[in-house]
Amino acid sequence: MGLREDILALAAYHGGGEMDLAGDEDLLGAYRMEGDDASEFLEAFADRFGVNLDGLLWYFHYNGDEPPPSRPRLYPVSPEGERLPTHAITLNDLVSAAEAGHWQFTYPAHEVRERFSAR
């Protein structure tokens, strides 16, 4: 099995099911991983492939809240205060990280804001 297939097998184990993804599709979304499921998958990915994920800023990629509400609680904003778009973690991103040994995504200048929910 090759690297791409190994990553997809790990995603299938953590997210359930079998998917045939092109390299630029939302891998976490395809396997319905958010919150702890996404974090556990990424930890297993880092361990399995020897990848340093210290540079990964999860709030740019997935909803890390548990259980996930419909909208993330934390989100990135530009220095001008505009909400920045998220970037799906793709198979290509994970292959690049595995080959380099560290997370490869370059983030824009930003700050993190918290959305408060009315209870």
PDB file of N, CA and C in Angstrom:
ATOM      1  N   MET A   1       0.844  -1.181   0.000  1.00  0.00           N
ATOM      2  CA  MET A   1       0.000   0.000   0.000  1.00  0.00           C
ATOM      3  C   MET A   1       0.887   1.241   0.000  1.00  0.00           C
ATOM      4  N   GLY A   2       0.482   2.275  -0.707  1.00  0.00           N
ATOM      5  CA  GLY A   2       1.232   3.524  -0.761  1.00  0.00           C
ATOM      6  C   GLY A   2       0.805   4.486   0.331  1.00  0.00           C
ATOM      7  N   LEU A   3       1.479   5.603   0.394  1.00  0.00           N
ATOM      8  CA  LEU A   3       1.215   6.615   1.423  1.00  0.00           C
ATOM      9  C   LEU A   3      -0.229   7.101   1.387  1.00  0.00           C
ATOM     10  N   ARG A   4      -0.731   7.433   0.200  1.00  0.00           N
ATOM     11  CA  ARG A   4      -2.111   7.927   0.079  1.00  0.00           C
ATOM     12  C   ARG A   4      -3.104   6.889   0.601  1.00  0.00           C
ATOM     13  N   GLU A   5      -2.897   5.651   0.223  1.00  0.00           N
ATOM     14  CA  GLU A   5      -3.798   4.582   0.654  1.00  0.00           C
ATOM     15  C   GLU A   5      -3.712   4.357   2.166  1.00  0.00           C
ATOM     16  N   ASP A   6      -2.491   4.458   2.717  1.00  0.00           N
ATOM     17  CA  ASP A   6      -2.314   4.302   4.168  1.00  0.00           C
ATOM     18  C   ASP A   6      -3.055   5.404   4.936  1.00  0.00           C
ATOM     19  N   ILE A   7      -2.983   6.640   4.435  1.00  0.00           N
ATOM     20  CA  ILE A   7      -3.678   7.750   5.089  1.00  0.00           C
ATOM     21  C   ILE A   7      -5.187   7.543   5.008  1.00  0.00           C
ATOM     22  N   LEU A   8      -5.695   7.129   3.847  1.00  0.00           N
ATOM     23  CA  LEU A   8      -7.129   6.878   3.701  1.00  0.00           C
ATOM     24  C   LEU A   8      -7.584   5.728   4.593  1.00  0.00           C
ATOM     25  N   ALA A   9      -6.763   4.698   4.738  1.00  0.00           N
ATOM     26  CA  ALA A   9      -7.109   3.584   5.623  1.00  0.00           C
ATOM     27  C   ALA A   9      -7.197   4.054   7.074  1.00  0.00           C
ATOM     28  N   LEU A  10      -6.271   4.928   7.483  1.00  0.00           N
ATOM     29  CA  LEU A  10      -6.304   5.467   8.841  1.00  0.00           C
ATOM     30  C   LEU A  10      -7.554   6.325   9.035  1.00  0.00           C
ATOM     31  N   ALA A  11      -7.905   7.124   8.028  1.00  0.00           N
ATOM     32  CA  ALA A  11      -9.120   7.947   8.098  1.00  0.00           C
ATOM     33  C   ALA A  11     -10.358   7.064   8.175  1.00  0.00           C
ATOM     34  N   ALA A  12     -10.383   5.991   7.414  1.00  0.00           N
ATOM     35  CA  ALA A  12     -11.521   5.063   7.444  1.00  0.00           C
ATOM     36  C   ALA A  12     -11.657   4.433   8.830  1.00  0.00           C
ATOM     37  N   TYR A  13     -10.534   4.094   9.442  1.00  0.00           N
ATOM     38  CA  TYR A  13     -10.554   3.502  10.777  1.00  0.00           C
ATOM     39  C   TYR A  13     -11.115   4.485  11.799  1.00  0.00           C
ATOM     40  N   HIS A  14     -10.697   5.740  11.723  1.00  0.00           N
ATOM     41  CA  HIS A  14     -11.129   6.742  12.702  1.00  0.00           C
ATOM     42  C   HIS A  14     -12.499   7.332  12.391  1.00  0.00           C
ATOM     43  N   GLY A  15     -12.859   7.381  11.134  1.00  0.00           N
ATOM     44  CA  GLY A  15     -14.125   8.001  10.762  1.00  0.00           C
ATOM     45  C   GLY A  15     -15.177   7.001  10.339  1.00  0.00           C
ATOM     46  N   GLY A  16     -14.755   5.798  10.071  1.00  0.00           N
ATOM     47  CA  GLY A  16     -15.689   4.782   9.617  1.00  0.00           C
ATOM     48  C   GLY A  16     -15.943   4.868   8.129  1.00  0.00           C
ATOM     49  N   GLY A  17     -16.097   3.728   7.522  1.00  0.00           N
ATOM     50  CA  GLY A  17     -16.445   3.695   6.110  1.00  0.00           C
ATOM     51  C   GLY A  17     -15.240   3.732   5.207  1.00  0.00           C
ATOM     52  N   GLU A  18     -15.514   3.564   3.935  1.00  0.00           N
ATOM     53  CA  GLU A  18     -14.483   3.599   2.899  1.00  0.00           C
ATOM     54  C   GLU A  18     -14.837   4.712   1.927  1.00  0.00           C
ATOM     55  N   MET A  19     -13.892   5.543   1.589  1.00  0.00           N
ATOM     56  CA  MET A  19     -14.109   6.623   0.641  1.00  0.00           C
ATOM     57  C   MET A  19     -13.004   6.583  -0.388  1.00  0.00           C
ATOM     58  N   ASP A  20     -13.317   7.017  -1.586  1.00  0.00           N
ATOM     59  CA  ASP A  20     -12.308   7.180  -2.625  1.00  0.00           C
ATOM     60  C   ASP A  20     -12.250   8.676  -2.917  1.00  0.00           C
ATOM     61  N   LEU A  21     -11.274   9.356  -2.320  1.00  0.00           N
ATOM     62  CA  LEU A  21     -11.185  10.813  -2.434  1.00  0.00           C
ATOM     63  C   LEU A  21     -10.124  11.232  -3.417  1.00  0.00           C
ATOM     64  N   ALA A  22     -10.429  12.267  -4.159  1.00  0.00           N
ATOM     65  CA  ALA A  22      -9.394  12.949  -4.925  1.00  0.00           C
ATOM     66  C   ALA A  22      -8.535  13.698  -3.918  1.00  0.00           C
ATOM     67  N   GLY A  23      -7.388  14.161  -4.300  1.00  0.00           N
ATOM     68  CA  GLY A  23      -6.464  14.768  -3.356  1.00  0.00           C
ATOM     69  C   GLY A  23      -6.888  16.091  -2.780  1.00  0.00           C
ATOM     70  N   ASP A  24      -7.818  16.819  -3.442  1.00  0.00           N
ATOM     71  CA  ASP A  24      -8.146  18.167  -2.996  1.00  0.00           C
ATOM     72  C   ASP A  24      -9.503  18.273  -2.314  1.00  0.00           C
ATOM     73  N   GLU A  25     -10.075  17.165  -1.896  1.00  0.00           N
ATOM     74  CA  GLU A  25     -11.371  17.174  -1.223  1.00  0.00           C
ATOM     75  C   GLU A  25     -11.194  17.208   0.290  1.00  0.00           C
ATOM     76  N   ASP A  26     -12.230  17.637   0.989  1.00  0.00           N
ATOM     77  CA  ASP A  26     -12.255  17.733   2.451  1.00  0.00           C
ATOM     78  C   ASP A  26     -12.256  16.341   3.063  1.00  0.00           C
ATOM     79  N   LEU A  27     -11.095  15.883   3.515  1.00  0.00           N
ATOM     80  CA  LEU A  27     -10.970  14.543   4.062  1.00  0.00           C
ATOM     81  C   LEU A  27     -11.743  14.388   5.369  1.00  0.00           C
ATOM     82  N   LEU A  28     -11.600  15.348   6.285  1.00  0.00           N
ATOM     83  CA  LEU A  28     -12.314  15.248   7.569  1.00  0.00           C
ATOM     84  C   LEU A  28     -13.824  15.266   7.348  1.00  0.00           C
ATOM     85  N   GLY A  29     -14.289  16.122   6.457  1.00  0.00           N
ATOM     86  CA  GLY A  29     -15.711  16.194   6.164  1.00  0.00           C
ATOM     87  C   GLY A  29     -16.234  14.915   5.533  1.00  0.00           C
ATOM     88  N   ALA A  30     -15.454  14.343   4.628  1.00  0.00           N
ATOM     89  CA  ALA A  30     -15.874  13.120   3.949  1.00  0.00           C
ATOM     90  C   ALA A  30     -16.053  11.971   4.940  1.00  0.00           C
ATOM     91  N   TYR A  31     -15.232  11.947   5.961  1.00  0.00           N
ATOM     92  CA  TYR A  31     -15.327  10.898   6.980  1.00  0.00           C
ATOM     93  C   TYR A  31     -16.101  11.354   8.209  1.00  0.00           C
ATOM     94  N   ARG A  32     -16.769  12.509   8.115  1.00  0.00           N
ATOM     95  CA  ARG A  32     -17.595  13.065   9.180  1.00  0.00           C
ATOM     96  C   ARG A  32     -16.853  13.155  10.518  1.00  0.00           C
ATOM     97  N   MET A  33     -15.640  13.718  10.453  1.00  0.00           N
ATOM     98  CA  MET A  33     -14.844  13.886  11.671  1.00  0.00           C
ATOM     99  C   MET A  33     -14.805  15.357  12.050  1.00  0.00           C
ATOM    100  N   GLU A  34     -15.291  15.649  13.260  1.00  0.00           N
ATOM    101  CA  GLU A  34     -15.200  16.965  13.880  1.00  0.00           C
ATOM    102  C   GLU A  34     -14.826  16.747  15.334  1.00  0.00           C
ATOM    103  N   GLY A  35     -14.574  17.816  16.031  1.00  0.00           N
ATOM    104  CA  GLY A  35     -14.314  17.744  17.470  1.00  0.00           C
ATOM    105  C   GLY A  35     -13.231  16.746  17.811  1.00  0.00           C
ATOM    106  N   ASP A  36     -13.500  15.930  18.823  1.00  0.00           N
ATOM    107  CA  ASP A  36     -12.526  14.947  19.289  1.00  0.00           C
ATOM    108  C   ASP A  36     -12.164  13.935  18.216  1.00  0.00           C
ATOM    109  N   ASP A  37     -13.126  13.561  17.365  1.00  0.00           N
ATOM    110  CA  ASP A  37     -12.836  12.584  16.302  1.00  0.00           C
ATOM    111  C   ASP A  37     -11.738  13.111  15.374  1.00  0.00           C
ATOM    112  N   ALA A  38     -11.843  14.369  14.967  1.00  0.00           N
ATOM    113  CA  ALA A  38     -10.830  14.964  14.095  1.00  0.00           C
ATOM    114  C   ALA A  38      -9.488  15.053  14.821  1.00  0.00           C
ATOM    115  N   SER A  39      -9.515  15.482  16.068  1.00  0.00           N
ATOM    116  CA  SER A  39      -8.268  15.607  16.837  1.00  0.00           C
ATOM    117  C   SER A  39      -7.597  14.248  17.025  1.00  0.00           C
ATOM    118  N   GLU A  40      -8.382  13.215  17.337  1.00  0.00           N
ATOM    119  CA  GLU A  40      -7.828  11.875  17.526  1.00  0.00           C
ATOM    120  C   GLU A  40      -7.255  11.329  16.221  1.00  0.00           C
ATOM    121  N   PHE A  41      -7.933  11.569  15.108  1.00  0.00           N
ATOM    122  CA  PHE A  41      -7.405  11.143  13.815  1.00  0.00           C
ATOM    123  C   PHE A  41      -6.073  11.828  13.530  1.00  0.00           C
ATOM    124  N   LEU A  42      -6.011  13.143  13.739  1.00  0.00           N
ATOM    125  CA  LEU A  42      -4.776  13.875  13.446  1.00  0.00           C
ATOM    126  C   LEU A  42      -3.635  13.446  14.365  1.00  0.00           C
ATOM    127  N   GLU A  43      -3.937  13.131  15.622  1.00  0.00           N
ATOM    128  CA  GLU A  43      -2.906  12.609  16.532  1.00  0.00           C
ATOM    129  C   GLU A  43      -2.398  11.258  16.044  1.00  0.00           C
ATOM    130  N   ALA A  44      -3.324  10.385  15.626  1.00  0.00           N
ATOM    131  CA  ALA A  44      -2.934   9.078  15.102  1.00  0.00           C
ATOM    132  C   ALA A  44      -2.130   9.231  13.812  1.00  0.00           C
ATOM    133  N   PHE A  45      -2.523  10.165  12.953  1.00  0.00           N
ATOM    134  CA  PHE A  45      -1.790  10.452  11.724  1.00  0.00           C
ATOM    135  C   PHE A  45      -0.362  10.883  12.058  1.00  0.00           C
ATOM    136  N   ALA A  46      -0.218  11.811  12.999  1.00  0.00           N
ATOM    137  CA  ALA A  46       1.108  12.306  13.389  1.00  0.00           C
ATOM    138  C   ALA A  46       1.977  11.168  13.919  1.00  0.00           C
ATOM    139  N   ASP A  47       1.403  10.314  14.771  1.00  0.00           N
ATOM    140  CA  ASP A  47       2.148   9.183  15.327  1.00  0.00           C
ATOM    141  C   ASP A  47       2.537   8.181  14.244  1.00  0.00           C
ATOM    142  N   ARG A  48       1.584   7.823  13.423  1.00  0.00           N
ATOM    143  CA  ARG A  48       1.802   6.790  12.396  1.00  0.00           C
ATOM    144  C   ARG A  48       2.840   7.211  11.363  1.00  0.00           C
ATOM    145  N   PHE A  49       2.829   8.489  10.958  1.00  0.00           N
ATOM    146  CA  PHE A  49       3.686   8.938   9.868  1.00  0.00           C
ATOM    147  C   PHE A  49       4.841   9.837  10.337  1.00  0.00           C
ATOM    148  N   GLY A  50       5.000  10.001  11.651  1.00  0.00           N
ATOM    149  CA  GLY A  50       6.106  10.785  12.183  1.00  0.00           C
ATOM    150  C   GLY A  50       6.051  12.253  11.796  1.00  0.00           C
ATOM    151  N   VAL A  51       4.852  12.838  11.904  1.00  0.00           N
ATOM    152  CA  VAL A  51       4.641  14.220  11.483  1.00  0.00           C
ATOM    153  C   VAL A  51       4.499  15.127  12.705  1.00  0.00           C
ATOM    154  N   ASN A  52       5.229  16.226  12.709  1.00  0.00           N
ATOM    155  CA  ASN A  52       5.101  17.231  13.759  1.00  0.00           C
ATOM    156  C   ASN A  52       3.953  18.166  13.360  1.00  0.00           C
ATOM    157  N   LEU A  53       2.867  18.124  14.112  1.00  0.00           N
ATOM    158  CA  LEU A  53       1.700  18.961  13.825  1.00  0.00           C
ATOM    159  C   LEU A  53       1.617  20.182  14.732  1.00  0.00           C
ATOM    160  N   ASP A  54       2.737  20.560  15.368  1.00  0.00           N
ATOM    161  CA  ASP A  54       2.718  21.728  16.257  1.00  0.00           C
ATOM    162  C   ASP A  54       2.258  22.987  15.534  1.00  0.00           C
ATOM    163  N   GLY A  55       2.527  23.110  14.256  1.00  0.00           N
ATOM    164  CA  GLY A  55       2.146  24.294  13.503  1.00  0.00           C
ATOM    165  C   GLY A  55       0.720  24.298  12.986  1.00  0.00           C
ATOM    166  N   LEU A  56      -0.025  23.217  13.202  1.00  0.00           N
ATOM    167  CA  LEU A  56      -1.403  23.139  12.716  1.00  0.00           C
ATOM    168  C   LEU A  56      -2.323  23.942  13.636  1.00  0.00           C
ATOM    169  N   LEU A  57      -3.045  24.885  13.060  1.00  0.00           N
ATOM    170  CA  LEU A  57      -4.015  25.693  13.808  1.00  0.00           C
ATOM    171  C   LEU A  57      -5.402  25.157  13.475  1.00  0.00           C
ATOM    172  N   TRP A  58      -5.923  24.294  14.333  1.00  0.00           N
ATOM    173  CA  TRP A  58      -7.141  23.538  14.041  1.00  0.00           C
ATOM    174  C   TRP A  58      -8.321  24.430  13.683  1.00  0.00           C
ATOM    175  N   TYR A  59      -8.412  25.615  14.279  1.00  0.00           N
ATOM    176  CA  TYR A  59      -9.577  26.476  14.050  1.00  0.00           C
ATOM    177  C   TYR A  59      -9.634  27.013  12.620  1.00  0.00           C
ATOM    178  N   PHE A  60      -8.568  26.856  11.857  1.00  0.00           N
ATOM    179  CA  PHE A  60      -8.596  27.189  10.428  1.00  0.00           C
ATOM    180  C   PHE A  60      -9.155  26.035   9.593  1.00  0.00           C
ATOM    181  N   HIS A  61      -9.289  24.855  10.198  1.00  0.00           N
ATOM    182  CA  HIS A  61      -9.582  23.656   9.420  1.00  0.00           C
ATOM    183  C   HIS A  61     -10.857  22.909   9.802  1.00  0.00           C
ATOM    184  N   TYR A  62     -11.197  22.881  11.070  1.00  0.00           N
ATOM    185  CA  TYR A  62     -12.369  22.103  11.483  1.00  0.00           C
ATOM    186  C   TYR A  62     -12.920  22.627  12.798  1.00  0.00           C
ATOM    187  N   ASN A  63     -14.136  22.218  13.078  1.00  0.00           N
ATOM    188  CA  ASN A  63     -14.803  22.591  14.319  1.00  0.00           C
ATOM    189  C   ASN A  63     -14.269  21.693  15.440  1.00  0.00           C
ATOM    190  N   GLY A  64     -13.509  22.263  16.349  1.00  0.00           N
ATOM    191  CA  GLY A  64     -12.895  21.492  17.414  1.00  0.00           C
ATOM    192  C   GLY A  64     -13.749  21.340  18.654  1.00  0.00           C
ATOM    193  N   ASP A  65     -14.946  21.930  18.660  1.00  0.00           N
ATOM    194  CA  ASP A  65     -15.815  21.841  19.834  1.00  0.00           C
ATOM    195  C   ASP A  65     -16.388  20.437  19.967  1.00  0.00           C
ATOM    196  N   GLU A  66     -16.629  20.023  21.195  1.00  0.00           N
ATOM    197  CA  GLU A  66     -17.194  18.705  21.453  1.00  0.00           C
ATOM    198  C   GLU A  66     -18.338  18.840  22.430  1.00  0.00           C
ATOM    199  N   PRO A  67     -19.556  18.418  22.117  1.00  0.00           N
ATOM    200  CA  PRO A  67     -19.929  17.991  20.767  1.00  0.00           C
ATOM    201  C   PRO A  67     -20.002  19.205  19.852  1.00  0.00           C
ATOM    202  N   PRO A  68     -19.739  18.987  18.564  1.00  0.00           N
ATOM    203  CA  PRO A  68     -19.725  20.133  17.651  1.00  0.00           C
ATOM    204  C   PRO A  68     -21.098  20.780  17.486  1.00  0.00           C
ATOM    205  N   PRO A  69     -21.187  22.087  17.748  1.00  0.00           N
ATOM    206  CA  PRO A  69     -22.424  22.785  17.420  1.00  0.00           C
ATOM    207  C   PRO A  69     -22.456  23.060  15.914  1.00  0.00           C
ATOM    208  N   SER A  70     -23.502  23.668  15.438  1.00  0.00           N
ATOM    209  CA  SER A  70     -23.598  23.925  14.004  1.00  0.00           C
ATOM    210  C   SER A  70     -22.540  24.916  13.527  1.00  0.00           C
ATOM    211  N   ARG A  71     -22.101  25.823  14.405  1.00  0.00           N
ATOM    212  CA  ARG A  71     -21.053  26.782  14.048  1.00  0.00           C
ATOM    213  C   ARG A  71     -19.919  26.691  15.060  1.00  0.00           C
ATOM    214  N   PRO A  72     -18.678  26.820  14.598  1.00  0.00           N
ATOM    215  CA  PRO A  72     -17.546  26.757  15.531  1.00  0.00           C
ATOM    216  C   PRO A  72     -17.577  27.909  16.531  1.00  0.00           C
ATOM    217  N   ARG A  73     -17.085  27.637  17.724  1.00  0.00           N
ATOM    218  CA  ARG A  73     -17.012  28.644  18.778  1.00  0.00           C
ATOM    219  C   ARG A  73     -15.831  29.573  18.546  1.00  0.00           C
ATOM    220  N   LEU A  74     -14.707  29.063  18.050  1.00  0.00           N
ATOM    221  CA  LEU A  74     -13.522  29.863  17.775  1.00  0.00           C
ATOM    222  C   LEU A  74     -13.356  30.009  16.276  1.00  0.00           C
ATOM    223  N   TYR A  75     -12.926  31.203  15.857  1.00  0.00           N
ATOM    224  CA  TYR A  75     -12.714  31.424  14.425  1.00  0.00           C
ATOM    225  C   TYR A  75     -11.642  32.493  14.227  1.00  0.00           C
ATOM    226  N   PRO A  76     -10.905  32.398  13.107  1.00  0.00           N
ATOM    227  CA  PRO A  76      -9.852  33.382  12.826  1.00  0.00           C
ATOM    228  C   PRO A  76     -10.404  34.616  12.126  1.00  0.00           C
ATOM    229  N   VAL A  77      -9.830  35.774  12.477  1.00  0.00           N
ATOM    230  CA  VAL A  77     -10.188  37.023  11.808  1.00  0.00           C
ATOM    231  C   VAL A  77      -8.908  37.729  11.381  1.00  0.00           C
ATOM    232  N   SER A  78      -9.022  38.505  10.307  1.00  0.00           N
ATOM    233  CA  SER A  78      -7.887  39.271   9.796  1.00  0.00           C
ATOM    234  C   SER A  78      -7.581  40.417  10.759  1.00  0.00           C
ATOM    235  N   PRO A  79      -6.424  41.056  10.604  1.00  0.00           N
ATOM    236  CA  PRO A  79      -6.114  42.225  11.443  1.00  0.00           C
ATOM    237  C   PRO A  79      -7.162  43.332  11.313  1.00  0.00           C
ATOM    238  N   GLU A  80      -7.892  43.350  10.188  1.00  0.00           N
ATOM    239  CA  GLU A  80      -8.947  44.347   9.985  1.00  0.00           C
ATOM    240  C   GLU A  80     -10.281  43.913  10.606  1.00  0.00           C
ATOM    241  N   GLY A  81     -10.322  42.725  11.202  1.00  0.00           N
ATOM    242  CA  GLY A  81     -11.534  42.246  11.868  1.00  0.00           C
ATOM    243  C   GLY A  81     -12.473  41.441  10.994  1.00  0.00           C
ATOM    244  N   GLU A  82     -12.059  41.093   9.782  1.00  0.00           N
ATOM    245  CA  GLU A  82     -12.907  40.299   8.894  1.00  0.00           C
ATOM    246  C   GLU A  82     -12.669  38.815   9.137  1.00  0.00           C
ATOM    247  N   ARG A  83     -13.747  38.064   9.183  1.00  0.00           N
ATOM    248  CA  ARG A  83     -13.631  36.621   9.381  1.00  0.00           C
ATOM    249  C   ARG A  83     -12.901  36.001   8.194  1.00  0.00           C
ATOM    250  N   LEU A  84     -11.915  35.160   8.494  1.00  0.00           N
ATOM    251  CA  LEU A  84     -11.135  34.503   7.453  1.00  0.00           C
ATOM    252  C   LEU A  84     -11.764  33.156   7.098  1.00  0.00           C
ATOM    253  N   PRO A  85     -11.627  32.741   5.850  1.00  0.00           N
ATOM    254  CA  PRO A  85     -12.203  31.453   5.452  1.00  0.00           C
ATOM    255  C   PRO A  85     -11.428  30.293   6.062  1.00  0.00           C
ATOM    256  N   THR A  86     -12.111  29.188   6.241  1.00  0.00           N
ATOM    257  CA  THR A  86     -11.450  27.978   6.700  1.00  0.00           C
ATOM    258  C   THR A  86     -10.871  27.242   5.496  1.00  0.00           C
ATOM    259  N   HIS A  87      -9.966  26.345   5.761  1.00  0.00           N
ATOM    260  CA  HIS A  87      -9.336  25.538   4.723  1.00  0.00           C
ATOM    261  C   HIS A  87      -9.523  24.077   5.106  1.00  0.00           C
ATOM    262  N   ALA A  88     -10.221  23.342   4.269  1.00  0.00           N
ATOM    263  CA  ALA A  88     -10.420  21.917   4.532  1.00  0.00           C
ATOM    264  C   ALA A  88      -9.070  21.202   4.516  1.00  0.00           C
ATOM    265  N   ILE A  89      -8.906  20.237   5.397  1.00  0.00           N
ATOM    266  CA  ILE A  89      -7.713  19.390   5.360  1.00  0.00           C
ATOM    267  C   ILE A  89      -7.954  18.335   4.291  1.00  0.00           C
ATOM    268  N   THR A  90      -7.074  18.304   3.320  1.00  0.00           N
ATOM    269  CA  THR A  90      -7.228  17.398   2.184  1.00  0.00           C
ATOM    270  C   THR A  90      -6.210  16.263   2.257  1.00  0.00           C
ATOM    271  N   LEU A  91      -6.432  15.266   1.449  1.00  0.00           N
ATOM    272  CA  LEU A  91      -5.471  14.181   1.341  1.00  0.00           C
ATOM    273  C   LEU A  91      -4.121  14.725   0.880  1.00  0.00           C
ATOM    274  N   ASN A  92      -4.129  15.665  -0.056  1.00  0.00           N
ATOM    275  CA  ASN A  92      -2.873  16.271  -0.516  1.00  0.00           C
ATOM    276  C   ASN A  92      -2.133  16.962   0.625  1.00  0.00           C
ATOM    277  N   ASP A  93      -2.869  17.659   1.512  1.00  0.00           N
ATOM    278  CA  ASP A  93      -2.241  18.313   2.668  1.00  0.00           C
ATOM    279  C   ASP A  93      -1.538  17.288   3.551  1.00  0.00           C
ATOM    280  N   LEU A  94      -2.215  16.169   3.800  1.00  0.00           N
ATOM    281  CA  LEU A  94      -1.659  15.146   4.683  1.00  0.00           C
ATOM    282  C   LEU A  94      -0.479  14.427   4.045  1.00  0.00           C
ATOM    283  N   VAL A  95      -0.548  14.173   2.753  1.00  0.00           N
ATOM    284  CA  VAL A  95       0.585  13.562   2.051  1.00  0.00           C
ATOM    285  C   VAL A  95       1.798  14.492   2.121  1.00  0.00           C
ATOM    286  N   SER A  96       1.592  15.783   1.866  1.00  0.00           N
ATOM    287  CA  SER A  96       2.694  16.760   1.938  1.00  0.00           C
ATOM    288  C   SER A  96       3.301  16.794   3.335  1.00  0.00           C
ATOM    289  N   ALA A  97       2.456  16.788   4.343  1.00  0.00           N
ATOM    290  CA  ALA A  97       2.946  16.809   5.726  1.00  0.00           C
ATOM    291  C   ALA A  97       3.732  15.539   6.041  1.00  0.00           C
ATOM    292  N   ALA A  98       3.230  14.394   5.601  1.00  0.00           N
ATOM    293  CA  ALA A  98       3.921  13.128   5.863  1.00  0.00           C
ATOM    294  C   ALA A  98       5.285  13.105   5.160  1.00  0.00           C
ATOM    295  N   GLU A  99       5.339  13.603   3.956  1.00  0.00           N
ATOM    296  CA  GLU A  99       6.607  13.627   3.217  1.00  0.00           C
ATOM    297  C   GLU A  99       7.600  14.609   3.820  1.00  0.00           C
ATOM    298  N   ALA A 100       7.118  15.738   4.324  1.00  0.00           N
ATOM    299  CA  ALA A 100       7.998  16.764   4.905  1.00  0.00           C
ATOM    300  C   ALA A 100       8.322  16.502   6.370  1.00  0.00           C
ATOM    301  N   GLY A 101       7.451  15.755   7.063  1.00  0.00           N
ATOM    302  CA  GLY A 101       7.639  15.499   8.487  1.00  0.00           C
ATOM    303  C   GLY A 101       7.050  16.568   9.385  1.00  0.00           C
ATOM    304  N   HIS A 102       6.370  17.562   8.786  1.00  0.00           N
ATOM    305  CA  HIS A 102       5.727  18.617   9.572  1.00  0.00           C
ATOM    306  C   HIS A 102       4.589  19.221   8.762  1.00  0.00           C
ATOM    307  N   TRP A 103       3.704  19.939   9.440  1.00  0.00           N
ATOM    308  CA  TRP A 103       2.552  20.572   8.803  1.00  0.00           C
ATOM    309  C   TRP A 103       3.034  21.655   7.855  1.00  0.00           C
ATOM    310  N   GLN A 104       2.492  21.693   6.635  1.00  0.00           N
ATOM    311  CA  GLN A 104       2.984  22.556   5.576  1.00  0.00           C
ATOM    312  C   GLN A 104       2.144  23.806   5.310  1.00  0.00           C
ATOM    313  N   PHE A 105       1.018  23.974   5.938  1.00  0.00           N
ATOM    314  CA  PHE A 105       0.111  25.067   5.607  1.00  0.00           C
ATOM    315  C   PHE A 105       0.650  26.397   6.142  1.00  0.00           C
ATOM    316  N   THR A 106       0.575  27.451   5.332  1.00  0.00           N
ATOM    317  CA  THR A 106       0.981  28.792   5.744  1.00  0.00           C
ATOM    318  C   THR A 106      -0.272  29.607   6.053  1.00  0.00           C
ATOM    319  N   TYR A 107      -0.369  30.098   7.271  1.00  0.00           N
ATOM    320  CA  TYR A 107      -1.551  30.831   7.717  1.00  0.00           C
ATOM    321  C   TYR A 107      -1.366  32.334   7.519  1.00  0.00           C
ATOM    322  N   PRO A 108      -2.454  33.037   7.214  1.00  0.00           N
ATOM    323  CA  PRO A 108      -2.368  34.492   7.111  1.00  0.00           C
ATOM    324  C   PRO A 108      -2.292  35.127   8.504  1.00  0.00           C
ATOM    325  N   ALA A 109      -1.885  36.393   8.549  1.00  0.00           N
ATOM    326  CA  ALA A 109      -1.909  37.135   9.813  1.00  0.00           C
ATOM    327  C   ALA A 109      -3.349  37.126  10.323  1.00  0.00           C
ATOM    328  N   HIS A 110      -3.511  36.863  11.611  1.00  0.00           N
ATOM    329  CA  HIS A 110      -4.863  36.746  12.157  1.00  0.00           C
ATOM    330  C   HIS A 110      -4.841  36.823  13.673  1.00  0.00           C
ATOM    331  N   GLU A 111      -6.035  36.909  14.225  1.00  0.00           N
ATOM    332  CA  GLU A 111      -6.267  36.711  15.653  1.00  0.00           C
ATOM    333  C   GLU A 111      -7.455  35.774  15.762  1.00  0.00           C
ATOM    334  N   VAL A 112      -7.631  35.210  16.939  1.00  0.00           N
ATOM    335  CA  VAL A 112      -8.732  34.265  17.146  1.00  0.00           C
ATOM    336  C   VAL A 112      -9.808  34.953  17.960  1.00  0.00           C
ATOM    337  N   ARG A 113     -11.032  34.810  17.504  1.00  0.00           N
ATOM    338  CA  ARG A 113     -12.185  35.363  18.236  1.00  0.00           C
ATOM    339  C   ARG A 113     -13.070  34.215  18.676  1.00  0.00           C
ATOM    340  N   GLU A 114     -13.850  34.490  19.709  1.00  0.00           N
ATOM    341  CA  GLU A 114     -14.768  33.496  20.234  1.00  0.00           C
ATOM    342  C   GLU A 114     -16.198  33.952  20.029  1.00  0.00           C
ATOM    343  N   ARG A 115     -16.994  33.062  19.473  1.00  0.00           N
ATOM    344  CA  ARG A 115     -18.425  33.320  19.310  1.00  0.00           C
ATOM    345  C   ARG A 115     -19.103  32.869  20.594  1.00  0.00           C
ATOM    346  N   PHE A 116     -19.846  33.763  21.190  1.00  0.00           N
ATOM    347  CA  PHE A 116     -20.562  33.435  22.417  1.00  0.00           C
ATOM    348  C   PHE A 116     -21.968  33.022  22.053  1.00  0.00           C
ATOM    349  N   SER A 117     -22.448  31.984  22.701  1.00  0.00           N
ATOM    350  CA  SER A 117     -23.809  31.541  22.437  1.00  0.00           C
ATOM    351  C   SER A 117     -24.716  31.990  23.574  1.00  0.00           C
ATOM    352  N   ALA A 118     -25.909  32.378  23.232  1.00  0.00           N
ATOM    353  CA  ALA A 118     -26.896  32.753  24.249  1.00  0.00           C
ATOM    354  C   ALA A 118     -27.498  31.489  24.819  1.00  0.00           C
ATOM    355  N   ARG A 119     -27.555  31.401  26.119  1.00  0.00           N
ATOM    356  CA  ARG A 119     -28.125  30.211  26.745  1.00  0.00           C
ATOM    357  C   ARG A 119     -29.362  30.579  27.502  1.00  0.00           C
TER     358      ARG A 119
END
